[in-house]
Structure formats: C-alpha cells, structure tokens
Amino acid sequence: MTQHIRSRRVLRRAGLVVVAVLAVVGLVAAYQFLFGAPGVGHFRSADGRDSYVATYERAMSTLPTPSEVHDVPTRFGTVRVYEWTSPQTADSVPVVLVPGRASGVPMWGENLPGFLPEHRVLAFDALGDAGLSVQAAPLTSTDDQALWIDDTLSGLGVETAHVVGHSFGGASAASYAKQFPEKVRSLTLLEPVFTFGYPPARMLFWASVSTLPGLPNSWRDTALARVGGVDDYDSDDPMATMISEASQHFSAALPTPSPLSDAELRALSMPTYIAIAERDSLAGGEKAAARAQQLADAAVLVFPDTTHSLPMQAKDRLNSELPEFWRRVEQD
C-alpha cells in the first residue's frame, strides 16, 4: 500500500512537471507568436521539408484532381494555386479559398464537392506558412497579406471573386476585403481569428505550443487536438498527419492580425457570411458574433455542436448554404 501511494505521488509530480513545462514553453511560444520579428517562413531542414511534402501530397491525393496548377509570382514570393474549372464553370465568378494556419489547400477537401458544380474554384497555400508556396520577403502586417492575395488574383486575371477564409485565412480574407472591396463580390469568414476579437487565452496557449520545434509527438498531438476542438487527434488521418508535420518542421513567419475596429467593420459593405463555432471557438464565440452584427450586410451564424474545425464538421451545411448564398449575391 505504501508503495502504491508513493507511486501515485510520483505520477502526480510527473504530471505537474509536464504542466509546468508546457506552461513555460507556451509562454515563450506565445510571445514569439504575437511579438516575434517578421521574417521569412521556412522549413527547418531539408529532411523535414521532404517529410512534410510526402504528407502534403498524400493529403492532396484525397481531393478532386485540379484542372490546373499555378505558381504565381508576387512581390512577397511565389504562391502555389490549384484551380478547378470546367466548361460549365469557366465563366463563373470564381470562389477563392484562403486556408487556416498550417492547413494549406488540403483543408478544403470536404468542401470542394459542394463548391465545384457551379463555380470555378481557386485555392492556394498561404505565403509565410507551410505548403508549397515559397516566401521571399517578410510580411510585416495583415496589409501585406492582402497585397500578396491581390497580386495572386491579378496574376490569374481575376477581377472579382467570392472570397472564403478560415481561421488565420479568415483574418487575411477580411484584410483583403478591407483594402480591395471592389474586388470582393462576397466575403465568407469561417471561425476567423483576430477579426472580431482575440482568441481565448487557453486556445492561444495550445496554438502556440503546437508550433514548438522538438516537442514530443504526443504533446504536439494533444495541443493540436485542443486547437481543433477534438477529443483525440487522429495521427493516421492524412490531413492530421500533414498539419502535425507542418507544426514540427516549418517555421512560420506570419504577422499577427489585430481585430477590426468598429469603423472598419461598418465599412465592409459587401454581402458577408460568417460562421462561428459554438464550442472552443478561436474566433471569439458569442462575443465575436455580436461584434460581427455591425457589418452592413451580413448573415452571422453560430453553428451548434462545432469547434474551430467548423469547415470539416459542418461540411454538409456549408456545402449547401454557401452555393445558395453566392447565387443570391449574383442575382442582386
């Protein structure tokens, strides 16, 4: 019995040590995440890049085959763009997909089947983040994020588009709409972080921890599960594997957005669809939804039984409602 009690004490102490270590590394990572000097995103090693690319290609293989693949030069680097089009959609208003952190184009695999029948779709890997885009110059602000998006779309001859962003991609999409409103036919923001408010501290902590190099895989998977709002992180899933590899091997260099001011919110006059998760929202939950009501023409929805992984969890609803939203916009 004495030995059993002693063992329990040792395990309890070990657990406290793990929590303490995570707290320290989380604080360091959060500081770098929020206040680190801008740089150029890069893989930490050639072997790490090779390992990531293998998982990226596996995840991409689960998507519909793109019609074309573009590498578009911009003032901040070369952007990898995948295009899906057909004779029926070639002249449609394109749908532009801006991914969340470490997710790249593969994150849209659950949504493409709903978007492709009526629209030309363009999806890209974000500069400064993991993917096959190659950053060449620092991004010092979210204004720069909007500039490379505009360079990319201009390079593809896109004059106006339905712009969709998730998570960090939502913040970038909102920045693009703020700077180039005449080019945004409609705006869709899915769990957009740092747009209507700041993420909860506990969620920011786990997001920061997940990006630390050298972290044991079990700890990284725990952090990614907390960020995604899932009980268990399925390391055998192609998307999950790719995100884990990105977190381990890629050093991102992305500016931290600031929430839009009241005046900036009111200035976004294009039709907007906003989806906020009911649980573990990185966008800010009900408070973010309340602030989003300031937009001039917005449908603000809190999706029940969803977390930050909303695009995948609510794929059936989004695959139905978004094409209908775009049809209404184009008819007005």
Foldseek 3Di string as FASTA:
>chain_A
DVVVVVVVVVVVVVVVVVVVVLVVLLVVLLCCVAPNDFDFKDWPDPVLLVQLVVLVVVLCVLAPQFPDWDFAQAPFFTKIKTKHADPQAPPPAEEEEFEAALQFPSLCRLACVLVHPHHIYMYIGAGLGDDPTGTDGTDRALLSLLRRVVSRCVRVVQQAHAYEYAACRLVSQLSNCLVCVRRYLEYEYELYAQALDAFPPVLSSLVSSLLDEPDPLVSNQVSVCLNQVHPGQDCVDSSSVSSSSRSHTMDGRDHDHHYDDLVSQQPNAHAYEYEFECPQRRRHHPSSLVSNVSYNHYDRYYDYPGHSSVCNVVSVVCSPPVVVVVVVSVVD
